[in-house]
Amino acid sequence: EARIALEGRTRVLGTAHPETAISREILASVLRYQGRNDE
């Protein structure tokens, strides 16, 4: 779900938009919960 949101926001809003940044942070937090810190 986080990837869907990030990919869509990147396409629709661009990489520099605040909502896109929020999506990046949410995806990163999910990855960290899985121990995938480098990713």
PDB file of all heavy atoms in Angstrom:
ATOM      1  N   GLU A   1       0.832  -1.210   0.000  1.00  0.00           N
ATOM      2  CA  GLU A   1       0.000   0.000   0.000  1.00  0.00           C
ATOM      3  C   GLU A   1       0.864   1.256   0.000  1.00  0.00           C
ATOM      4  O   GLU A   1       0.568   2.222  -0.715  1.00  0.00           O
ATOM      5  CB  GLU A   1      -0.949   0.005   1.198  1.00  0.00           C
ATOM      6  CG  GLU A   1      -1.988  -1.086   1.163  1.00  0.00           C
ATOM      7  CD  GLU A   1      -2.946  -1.007  -0.013  1.00  0.00           C
ATOM      8  OE1 GLU A   1      -3.257   0.116  -0.474  1.00  0.00           O
ATOM      9  OE2 GLU A   1      -3.383  -2.068  -0.486  1.00  0.00           O
ATOM     10  N   ALA A   2       1.939   1.238   0.782  1.00  0.00           N
ATOM     11  CA  ALA A   2       2.835   2.397   0.824  1.00  0.00           C
ATOM     12  C   ALA A   2       3.498   2.627  -0.526  1.00  0.00           C
ATOM     13  O   ALA A   2       3.679   3.783  -0.950  1.00  0.00           O
ATOM     14  CB  ALA A   2       3.884   2.204   1.923  1.00  0.00           C
ATOM     15  N   ARG A   3       3.848   1.560  -1.206  1.00  0.00           N
ATOM     16  CA  ARG A   3       4.462   1.695  -2.536  1.00  0.00           C
ATOM     17  C   ARG A   3       3.464   2.246  -3.558  1.00  0.00           C
ATOM     18  O   ARG A   3       3.813   3.080  -4.394  1.00  0.00           O
ATOM     19  CB  ARG A   3       5.044   0.365  -3.008  1.00  0.00           C
ATOM     20  CG  ARG A   3       6.321  -0.001  -2.294  1.00  0.00           C
ATOM     21  CD  ARG A   3       7.009  -1.206  -2.916  1.00  0.00           C
ATOM     22  NE  ARG A   3       8.147  -1.615  -2.117  1.00  0.00           N
ATOM     23  CZ  ARG A   3       9.344  -1.042  -2.136  1.00  0.00           C
ATOM     24  NH1 ARG A   3       9.560   0.000  -2.933  1.00  0.00           N
ATOM     25  NH2 ARG A   3      10.324  -1.486  -1.372  1.00  0.00           N
ATOM     26  N   ILE A   4       2.227   1.798  -3.494  1.00  0.00           N
ATOM     27  CA  ILE A   4       1.198   2.331  -4.395  1.00  0.00           C
ATOM     28  C   ILE A   4       1.059   3.835  -4.192  1.00  0.00           C
ATOM     29  O   ILE A   4       1.025   4.611  -5.155  1.00  0.00           O
ATOM     30  CB  ILE A   4      -0.153   1.619  -4.167  1.00  0.00           C
ATOM     31  CG1 ILE A   4      -0.091   0.172  -4.652  1.00  0.00           C
ATOM     32  CG2 ILE A   4      -1.290   2.377  -4.867  1.00  0.00           C
ATOM     33  CD1 ILE A   4      -1.277  -0.674  -4.220  1.00  0.00           C
ATOM     34  N   ALA A   5       0.987   4.247  -2.922  1.00  0.00           N
ATOM     35  CA  ALA A   5       0.844   5.672  -2.620  1.00  0.00           C
ATOM     36  C   ALA A   5       2.055   6.466  -3.094  1.00  0.00           C
ATOM     37  O   ALA A   5       1.912   7.523  -3.720  1.00  0.00           O
ATOM     38  CB  ALA A   5       0.632   5.868  -1.115  1.00  0.00           C
ATOM     39  N   LEU A   6       3.251   5.957  -2.822  1.00  0.00           N
ATOM     40  CA  LEU A   6       4.463   6.677  -3.217  1.00  0.00           C
ATOM     41  C   LEU A   6       4.582   6.773  -4.735  1.00  0.00           C
ATOM     42  O   LEU A   6       4.859   7.857  -5.274  1.00  0.00           O
ATOM     43  CB  LEU A   6       5.704   6.007  -2.631  1.00  0.00           C
ATOM     44  CG  LEU A   6       7.044   6.610  -3.057  1.00  0.00           C
ATOM     45  CD1 LEU A   6       7.120   8.097  -2.717  1.00  0.00           C
ATOM     46  CD2 LEU A   6       8.193   5.834  -2.434  1.00  0.00           C
ATOM     47  N   GLU A   7       4.370   5.687  -5.427  1.00  0.00           N
ATOM     48  CA  GLU A   7       4.485   5.704  -6.884  1.00  0.00           C
ATOM     49  C   GLU A   7       3.446   6.636  -7.502  1.00  0.00           C
ATOM     50  O   GLU A   7       3.752   7.405  -8.413  1.00  0.00           O
ATOM     51  CB  GLU A   7       4.364   4.286  -7.438  1.00  0.00           C
ATOM     52  CG  GLU A   7       5.566   3.432  -7.088  1.00  0.00           C
ATOM     53  CD  GLU A   7       5.354   1.941  -7.316  1.00  0.00           C
ATOM     54  OE1 GLU A   7       4.291   1.554  -7.868  1.00  0.00           O
ATOM     55  OE2 GLU A   7       6.245   1.168  -6.929  1.00  0.00           O
ATOM     56  N   GLY A   8       2.216   6.587  -6.995  1.00  0.00           N
ATOM     57  CA  GLY A   8       1.170   7.461  -7.521  1.00  0.00           C
ATOM     58  C   GLY A   8       1.451   8.926  -7.234  1.00  0.00           C
ATOM     59  O   GLY A   8       1.313   9.773  -8.119  1.00  0.00           O
ATOM     60  N   ARG A   9       1.851   9.215  -6.019  1.00  0.00           N
ATOM     61  CA  ARG A   9       2.151  10.613  -5.675  1.00  0.00           C
ATOM     62  C   ARG A   9       3.349  11.129  -6.451  1.00  0.00           C
ATOM     63  O   ARG A   9       3.375  12.296  -6.837  1.00  0.00           O
ATOM     64  CB  ARG A   9       2.378  10.749  -4.172  1.00  0.00           C
ATOM     65  CG  ARG A   9       1.077  10.708  -3.390  1.00  0.00           C
ATOM     66  CD  ARG A   9       1.290  10.814  -1.916  1.00  0.00           C
ATOM     67  NE  ARG A   9       0.034  11.110  -1.242  1.00  0.00           N
ATOM     68  CZ  ARG A   9      -0.133  11.055   0.055  1.00  0.00           C
ATOM     69  NH1 ARG A   9       0.888  10.729   0.848  1.00  0.00           N
ATOM     70  NH2 ARG A   9      -1.291  11.336   0.600  1.00  0.00           N
ATOM     71  N   THR A  10       4.317  10.280  -6.701  1.00  0.00           N
ATOM     72  CA  THR A  10       5.470  10.703  -7.487  1.00  0.00           C
ATOM     73  C   THR A  10       5.029  11.080  -8.900  1.00  0.00           C
ATOM     74  O   THR A  10       5.446  12.113  -9.426  1.00  0.00           O
ATOM     75  CB  THR A  10       6.540   9.596  -7.524  1.00  0.00           C
ATOM     76  OG1 THR A  10       6.980   9.347  -6.174  1.00  0.00           O
ATOM     77  CG2 THR A  10       7.731   9.993  -8.371  1.00  0.00           C
ATOM     78  N   ARG A  11       4.165  10.264  -9.503  1.00  0.00           N
ATOM     79  CA  ARG A  11       3.666  10.554 -10.852  1.00  0.00           C
ATOM     80  C   ARG A  11       2.785  11.799 -10.879  1.00  0.00           C
ATOM     81  O   ARG A  11       2.905  12.648 -11.756  1.00  0.00           O
ATOM     82  CB  ARG A  11       2.871   9.372 -11.405  1.00  0.00           C
ATOM     83  CG  ARG A  11       3.717   8.285 -12.024  1.00  0.00           C
ATOM     84  CD  ARG A  11       2.876   7.267 -12.778  1.00  0.00           C
ATOM     85  NE  ARG A  11       1.868   6.624 -11.956  1.00  0.00           N
ATOM     86  CZ  ARG A  11       2.079   5.574 -11.160  1.00  0.00           C
ATOM     87  NH1 ARG A  11       3.291   5.057 -11.056  1.00  0.00           N
ATOM     88  NH2 ARG A  11       1.099   5.040 -10.464  1.00  0.00           N
ATOM     89  N   VAL A  12       1.870  11.908  -9.919  1.00  0.00           N
ATOM     90  CA  VAL A  12       0.868  12.971  -9.932  1.00  0.00           C
ATOM     91  C   VAL A  12       1.409  14.289  -9.389  1.00  0.00           C
ATOM     92  O   VAL A  12       1.147  15.350  -9.955  1.00  0.00           O
ATOM     93  CB  VAL A  12      -0.382  12.535  -9.131  1.00  0.00           C
ATOM     94  CG1 VAL A  12      -1.371  13.666  -8.969  1.00  0.00           C
ATOM     95  CG2 VAL A  12      -1.036  11.338  -9.806  1.00  0.00           C
ATOM     96  N   LEU A  13       2.166  14.229  -8.313  1.00  0.00           N
ATOM     97  CA  LEU A  13       2.597  15.440  -7.622  1.00  0.00           C
ATOM     98  C   LEU A  13       4.059  15.799  -7.844  1.00  0.00           C
ATOM     99  O   LEU A  13       4.453  16.941  -7.606  1.00  0.00           O
ATOM    100  CB  LEU A  13       2.344  15.291  -6.115  1.00  0.00           C
ATOM    101  CG  LEU A  13       0.901  14.986  -5.709  1.00  0.00           C
ATOM    102  CD1 LEU A  13       0.831  14.684  -4.220  1.00  0.00           C
ATOM    103  CD2 LEU A  13      -0.017  16.137  -6.092  1.00  0.00           C
ATOM    104  N   GLY A  14       4.859  14.820  -8.248  1.00  0.00           N
ATOM    105  CA  GLY A  14       6.282  15.051  -8.433  1.00  0.00           C
ATOM    106  C   GLY A  14       7.080  14.650  -7.197  1.00  0.00           C
ATOM    107  O   GLY A  14       6.533  14.435  -6.117  1.00  0.00           O
ATOM    108  N   THR A  15       8.381  14.567  -7.387  1.00  0.00           N
ATOM    109  CA  THR A  15       9.250  14.068  -6.312  1.00  0.00           C
ATOM    110  C   THR A  15       9.440  15.057  -5.173  1.00  0.00           C
ATOM    111  O   THR A  15       9.743  14.656  -4.052  1.00  0.00           O
ATOM    112  CB  THR A  15      10.631  13.692  -6.879  1.00  0.00           C
ATOM    113  OG1 THR A  15      11.189  14.843  -7.500  1.00  0.00           O
ATOM    114  CG2 THR A  15      10.532  12.553  -7.876  1.00  0.00           C
ATOM    115  N   ALA A  16       9.261  16.354  -5.437  1.00  0.00           N
ATOM    116  CA  ALA A  16       9.546  17.367  -4.415  1.00  0.00           C
ATOM    117  C   ALA A  16       8.324  17.764  -3.592  1.00  0.00           C
ATOM    118  O   ALA A  16       8.444  18.544  -2.653  1.00  0.00           O
ATOM    119  CB  ALA A  16      10.137  18.609  -5.083  1.00  0.00           C
ATOM    120  N   HIS A  17       7.167  17.234  -3.900  1.00  0.00           N
ATOM    121  CA  HIS A  17       5.938  17.619  -3.190  1.00  0.00           C
ATOM    122  C   HIS A  17       5.953  17.071  -1.765  1.00  0.00           C
ATOM    123  O   HIS A  17       6.400  15.948  -1.528  1.00  0.00           O
ATOM    124  CB  HIS A  17       4.718  17.100  -3.951  1.00  0.00           C
ATOM    125  CG  HIS A  17       3.449  17.712  -3.499  1.00  0.00           C
ATOM    126  ND1 HIS A  17       2.777  17.285  -2.380  1.00  0.00           N
ATOM    127  CD2 HIS A  17       2.722  18.729  -4.015  1.00  0.00           C
ATOM    128  CE1 HIS A  17       1.687  18.009  -2.224  1.00  0.00           C
ATOM    129  NE2 HIS A  17       1.630  18.897  -3.217  1.00  0.00           N
ATOM    130  N   PRO A  18       5.447  17.843  -0.792  1.00  0.00           N
ATOM    131  CA  PRO A  18       5.415  17.372   0.605  1.00  0.00           C
ATOM    132  C   PRO A  18       4.667  16.052   0.803  1.00  0.00           C
ATOM    133  O   PRO A  18       5.085  15.226   1.614  1.00  0.00           O
ATOM    134  CB  PRO A  18       4.717  18.507   1.360  1.00  0.00           C
ATOM    135  CG  PRO A  18       4.951  19.718   0.516  1.00  0.00           C
ATOM    136  CD  PRO A  18       4.994  19.232  -0.910  1.00  0.00           C
ATOM    137  N   GLU A  19       3.583  15.828   0.075  1.00  0.00           N
ATOM    138  CA  GLU A  19       2.846  14.569   0.217  1.00  0.00           C
ATOM    139  C   GLU A  19       3.672  13.382  -0.283  1.00  0.00           C
ATOM    140  O   GLU A  19       3.584  12.285   0.264  1.00  0.00           O
ATOM    141  CB  GLU A  19       1.514  14.647  -0.529  1.00  0.00           C
ATOM    142  CG  GLU A  19       0.540  15.655   0.053  1.00  0.00           C
ATOM    143  CD  GLU A  19       0.084  15.317   1.451  1.00  0.00           C
ATOM    144  OE1 GLU A  19      -0.120  14.130   1.773  1.00  0.00           O
ATOM    145  OE2 GLU A  19      -0.066  16.258   2.255  1.00  0.00           O
ATOM    146  N   THR A  20       4.471  13.611  -1.310  1.00  0.00           N
ATOM    147  CA  THR A  20       5.364  12.556  -1.798  1.00  0.00           C
ATOM    148  C   THR A  20       6.411  12.234  -0.741  1.00  0.00           C
ATOM    149  O   THR A  20       6.725  11.061  -0.498  1.00  0.00           O
ATOM    150  CB  THR A  20       6.029  12.980  -3.118  1.00  0.00           C
ATOM    151  OG1 THR A  20       5.001  13.333  -4.056  1.00  0.00           O
ATOM    152  CG2 THR A  20       6.870  11.861  -3.709  1.00  0.00           C
ATOM    153  N   ALA A  21       6.932  13.267  -0.090  1.00  0.00           N
ATOM    154  CA  ALA A  21       7.916  13.060   0.983  1.00  0.00           C
ATOM    155  C   ALA A  21       7.304  12.262   2.133  1.00  0.00           C
ATOM    156  O   ALA A  21       7.957  11.377   2.699  1.00  0.00           O
ATOM    157  CB  ALA A  21       8.447  14.402   1.478  1.00  0.00           C
ATOM    158  N   ILE A  22       6.066  12.553   2.465  1.00  0.00           N
ATOM    159  CA  ILE A  22       5.381  11.795   3.520  1.00  0.00           C
ATOM    160  C   ILE A  22       5.278  10.328   3.125  1.00  0.00           C
ATOM    161  O   ILE A  22       5.527   9.432   3.943  1.00  0.00           O
ATOM    162  CB  ILE A  22       3.995  12.399   3.813  1.00  0.00           C
ATOM    163  CG1 ILE A  22       4.157  13.748   4.511  1.00  0.00           C
ATOM    164  CG2 ILE A  22       3.137  11.447   4.635  1.00  0.00           C
ATOM    165  CD1 ILE A  22       2.879  14.556   4.598  1.00  0.00           C
ATOM    166  N   SER A  23       4.932  10.077   1.864  1.00  0.00           N
ATOM    167  CA  SER A  23       4.837   8.684   1.396  1.00  0.00           C
ATOM    168  C   SER A  23       6.177   7.972   1.476  1.00  0.00           C
ATOM    169  O   SER A  23       6.240   6.791   1.819  1.00  0.00           O
ATOM    170  CB  SER A  23       4.302   8.644  -0.040  1.00  0.00           C
ATOM    171  OG  SER A  23       2.939   8.983  -0.061  1.00  0.00           O
ATOM    172  N   ARG A  24       7.260   8.684   1.152  1.00  0.00           N
ATOM    173  CA  ARG A  24       8.592   8.085   1.276  1.00  0.00           C
ATOM    174  C   ARG A  24       8.872   7.709   2.731  1.00  0.00           C
ATOM    175  O   ARG A  24       9.399   6.620   3.013  1.00  0.00           O
ATOM    176  CB  ARG A  24       9.674   9.040   0.768  1.00  0.00           C
ATOM    177  CG  ARG A  24       9.881   8.996  -0.720  1.00  0.00           C
ATOM    178  CD  ARG A  24      11.168   9.681  -1.158  1.00  0.00           C
ATOM    179  NE  ARG A  24      11.235  11.081  -0.778  1.00  0.00           N
ATOM    180  CZ  ARG A  24      10.700  12.082  -1.475  1.00  0.00           C
ATOM    181  NH1 ARG A  24      10.080  11.838  -2.603  1.00  0.00           N
ATOM    182  NH2 ARG A  24      10.807  13.325  -1.045  1.00  0.00           N
ATOM    183  N   GLU A  25       8.542   8.587   3.656  1.00  0.00           N
ATOM    184  CA  GLU A  25       8.776   8.313   5.081  1.00  0.00           C
ATOM    185  C   GLU A  25       7.954   7.121   5.573  1.00  0.00           C
ATOM    186  O   GLU A  25       8.443   6.304   6.350  1.00  0.00           O
ATOM    187  CB  GLU A  25       8.458   9.556   5.920  1.00  0.00           C
ATOM    188  CG  GLU A  25       9.446  10.680   5.747  1.00  0.00           C
ATOM    189  CD  GLU A  25      10.834  10.344   6.277  1.00  0.00           C
ATOM    190  OE1 GLU A  25      10.950   9.493   7.189  1.00  0.00           O
ATOM    191  OE2 GLU A  25      11.795  10.932   5.768  1.00  0.00           O
ATOM    192  N   ILE A  26       6.722   7.030   5.121  1.00  0.00           N
ATOM    193  CA  ILE A  26       5.872   5.913   5.543  1.00  0.00           C
ATOM    194  C   ILE A  26       6.414   4.599   5.001  1.00  0.00           C
ATOM    195  O   ILE A  26       6.503   3.608   5.739  1.00  0.00           O
ATOM    196  CB  ILE A  26       4.416   6.155   5.124  1.00  0.00           C
ATOM    197  CG1 ILE A  26       3.846   7.313   5.940  1.00  0.00           C
ATOM    198  CG2 ILE A  26       3.576   4.892   5.279  1.00  0.00           C
ATOM    199  CD1 ILE A  26       2.526   7.838   5.455  1.00  0.00           C
ATOM    200  N   LEU A  27       6.792   4.577   3.724  1.00  0.00           N
ATOM    201  CA  LEU A  27       7.383   3.359   3.171  1.00  0.00           C
ATOM    202  C   LEU A  27       8.656   3.004   3.920  1.00  0.00           C
ATOM    203  O   LEU A  27       8.876   1.837   4.276  1.00  0.00           O
ATOM    204  CB  LEU A  27       7.667   3.523   1.678  1.00  0.00           C
ATOM    205  CG  LEU A  27       8.378   2.337   1.012  1.00  0.00           C
ATOM    206  CD1 LEU A  27       7.606   1.041   1.197  1.00  0.00           C
ATOM    207  CD2 LEU A  27       8.623   2.638  -0.464  1.00  0.00           C
ATOM    208  N   ALA A  28       9.496   3.990   4.198  1.00  0.00           N
ATOM    209  CA  ALA A  28      10.738   3.726   4.929  1.00  0.00           C
ATOM    210  C   ALA A  28      10.451   3.137   6.305  1.00  0.00           C
ATOM    211  O   ALA A  28      11.148   2.217   6.747  1.00  0.00           O
ATOM    212  CB  ALA A  28      11.561   5.005   5.045  1.00  0.00           C
ATOM    213  N   SER A  29       9.415   3.634   6.972  1.00  0.00           N
ATOM    214  CA  SER A  29       9.111   3.103   8.306  1.00  0.00           C
ATOM    215  C   SER A  29       8.670   1.650   8.231  1.00  0.00           C
ATOM    216  O   SER A  29       9.046   0.831   9.075  1.00  0.00           O
ATOM    217  CB  SER A  29       8.052   3.959   9.009  1.00  0.00           C
ATOM    218  OG  SER A  29       6.771   3.739   8.477  1.00  0.00           O
ATOM    219  N   VAL A  30       7.889   1.301   7.206  1.00  0.00           N
ATOM    220  CA  VAL A  30       7.466  -0.093   7.035  1.00  0.00           C
ATOM    221  C   VAL A  30       8.684  -0.976   6.782  1.00  0.00           C
ATOM    222  O   VAL A  30       8.803  -2.074   7.348  1.00  0.00           O
ATOM    223  CB  VAL A  30       6.443  -0.221   5.889  1.00  0.00           C
ATOM    224  CG1 VAL A  30       6.164  -1.683   5.565  1.00  0.00           C
ATOM    225  CG2 VAL A  30       5.154   0.506   6.237  1.00  0.00           C
ATOM    226  N   LEU A  31       9.595  -0.498   5.957  1.00  0.00           N
ATOM    227  CA  LEU A  31      10.809  -1.272   5.671  1.00  0.00           C
ATOM    228  C   LEU A  31      11.645  -1.445   6.946  1.00  0.00           C
ATOM    229  O   LEU A  31      12.198  -2.524   7.180  1.00  0.00           O
ATOM    230  CB  LEU A  31      11.626  -0.585   4.574  1.00  0.00           C
ATOM    231  CG  LEU A  31      10.958  -0.557   3.196  1.00  0.00           C
ATOM    232  CD1 LEU A  31      11.726   0.354   2.250  1.00  0.00           C
ATOM    233  CD2 LEU A  31      10.803  -1.949   2.620  1.00  0.00           C
ATOM    234  N   ARG A  32      11.729  -0.412   7.760  1.00  0.00           N
ATOM    235  CA  ARG A  32      12.501  -0.514   9.012  1.00  0.00           C
ATOM    236  C   ARG A  32      11.875  -1.523   9.972  1.00  0.00           C
ATOM    237  O   ARG A  32      12.590  -2.258  10.649  1.00  0.00           O
ATOM    238  CB  ARG A  32      12.631   0.862   9.650  1.00  0.00           C
ATOM    239  CG  ARG A  32      13.633   1.723   8.930  1.00  0.00           C
ATOM    240  CD  ARG A  32      13.992   2.990   9.711  1.00  0.00           C
ATOM    241  NE  ARG A  32      15.037   3.695   8.998  1.00  0.00           N
ATOM    242  CZ  ARG A  32      14.844   4.689   8.134  1.00  0.00           C
ATOM    243  NH1 ARG A  32      13.613   5.107   7.887  1.00  0.00           N
ATOM    244  NH2 ARG A  32      15.856   5.264   7.521  1.00  0.00           N
ATOM    245  N   TYR A  33      10.542  -1.558  10.033  1.00  0.00           N
ATOM    246  CA  TYR A  33       9.871  -2.554  10.870  1.00  0.00           C
ATOM    247  C   TYR A  33      10.233  -3.969  10.432  1.00  0.00           C
ATOM    248  O   TYR A  33      10.204  -4.894  11.231  1.00  0.00           O
ATOM    249  CB  TYR A  33       8.349  -2.383  10.825  1.00  0.00           C
ATOM    250  CG  TYR A  33       7.806  -1.403  11.835  1.00  0.00           C
ATOM    251  CD1 TYR A  33       7.591  -0.075  11.497  1.00  0.00           C
ATOM    252  CD2 TYR A  33       7.500  -1.799  13.125  1.00  0.00           C
ATOM    253  CE1 TYR A  33       7.088   0.831  12.410  1.00  0.00           C
ATOM    254  CE2 TYR A  33       6.993  -0.907  14.060  1.00  0.00           C
ATOM    255  CZ  TYR A  33       6.793   0.409  13.688  1.00  0.00           C
ATOM    256  OH  TYR A  33       6.299   1.294  14.607  1.00  0.00           O
ATOM    257  N   GLN A  34      10.589  -4.122   9.167  1.00  0.00           N
ATOM    258  CA  GLN A  34      10.973  -5.435   8.643  1.00  0.00           C
ATOM    259  C   GLN A  34      12.478  -5.669   8.741  1.00  0.00           C
ATOM    260  O   GLN A  34      12.984  -6.682   8.273  1.00  0.00           O
ATOM    261  CB  GLN A  34      10.540  -5.551   7.169  1.00  0.00           C
ATOM    262  CG  GLN A  34       9.044  -5.484   6.981  1.00  0.00           C
ATOM    263  CD  GLN A  34       8.678  -5.508   5.521  1.00  0.00           C
ATOM    264  OE1 GLN A  34       8.639  -6.585   4.923  1.00  0.00           O
ATOM    265  NE2 GLN A  34       8.416  -4.353   4.940  1.00  0.00           N
ATOM    266  N   GLY A  35      13.205  -4.725   9.325  1.00  0.00           N
ATOM    267  CA  GLY A  35      14.646  -4.850   9.456  1.00  0.00           C
ATOM    268  C   GLY A  35      15.407  -4.541   8.181  1.00  0.00           C
ATOM    269  O   GLY A  35      16.577  -4.876   8.054  1.00  0.00           O
ATOM    270  N   ARG A  36      14.765  -3.880   7.244  1.00  0.00           N
ATOM    271  CA  ARG A  36      15.372  -3.559   5.956  1.00  0.00           C
ATOM    272  C   ARG A  36      15.857  -2.109   5.960  1.00  0.00           C
ATOM    273  O   ARG A  36      15.425  -1.279   5.168  1.00  0.00           O
ATOM    274  CB  ARG A  36      14.361  -3.830   4.844  1.00  0.00           C
ATOM    275  CG  ARG A  36      14.015  -5.314   4.769  1.00  0.00           C
ATOM    276  CD  ARG A  36      12.722  -5.622   4.047  1.00  0.00           C
ATOM    277  NE  ARG A  36      12.686  -5.153   2.688  1.00  0.00           N
ATOM    278  CZ  ARG A  36      11.570  -5.144   1.955  1.00  0.00           C
ATOM    279  NH1 ARG A  36      10.429  -5.587   2.454  1.00  0.00           N
ATOM    280  NH2 ARG A  36      11.593  -4.697   0.715  1.00  0.00           N
ATOM    281  N   ASN A  37      16.771  -1.824   6.880  1.00  0.00           N
ATOM    282  CA  ASN A  37      17.217  -0.451   7.118  1.00  0.00           C
ATOM    283  C   ASN A  37      17.953   0.162   5.939  1.00  0.00           C
ATOM    284  O   ASN A  37      17.770   1.353   5.651  1.00  0.00           O
ATOM    285  CB  ASN A  37      18.073  -0.390   8.385  1.00  0.00           C
ATOM    286  CG  ASN A  37      17.269  -0.741   9.609  1.00  0.00           C
ATOM    287  OD1 ASN A  37      16.105  -0.377   9.726  1.00  0.00           O
ATOM    288  ND2 ASN A  37      17.876  -1.476  10.522  1.00  0.00           N
ATOM    289  N   ASP A  38      18.781  -0.606   5.265  1.00  0.00           N
ATOM    290  CA  ASP A  38      19.507  -0.063   4.109  1.00  0.00           C
ATOM    291  C   ASP A  38      18.538   0.359   3.014  1.00  0.00           C
ATOM    292  O   ASP A  38      18.692   1.429   2.412  1.00  0.00           O
ATOM    293  CB  ASP A  38      20.524  -1.070   3.562  1.00  0.00           C
ATOM    294  CG  ASP A  38      21.700  -1.290   4.490  1.00  0.00           C
ATOM    295  OD1 ASP A  38      21.910  -0.446   5.385  1.00  0.00           O
ATOM    296  OD2 ASP A  38      22.394  -2.308   4.330  1.00  0.00           O
ATOM    297  N   GLU A  39      17.543  -0.464   2.758  1.00  0.00           N
ATOM    298  CA  GLU A  39      16.549  -0.126   1.741  1.00  0.00           C
ATOM    299  C   GLU A  39      15.736   1.094   2.158  1.00  0.00           C
ATOM    300  O   GLU A  39      15.446   1.969   1.348  1.00  0.00           O
ATOM    301  CB  GLU A  39      15.624  -1.325   1.504  1.00  0.00           C
ATOM    302  CG  GLU A  39      14.708  -1.159   0.334  1.00  0.00           C
ATOM    303  CD  GLU A  39      13.882  -2.407   0.043  1.00  0.00           C
ATOM    304  OE1 GLU A  39      14.142  -3.482   0.629  1.00  0.00           O
ATOM    305  OE2 GLU A  39      12.960  -2.286  -0.777  1.00  0.00           O
TER     306      GLU A  39
END
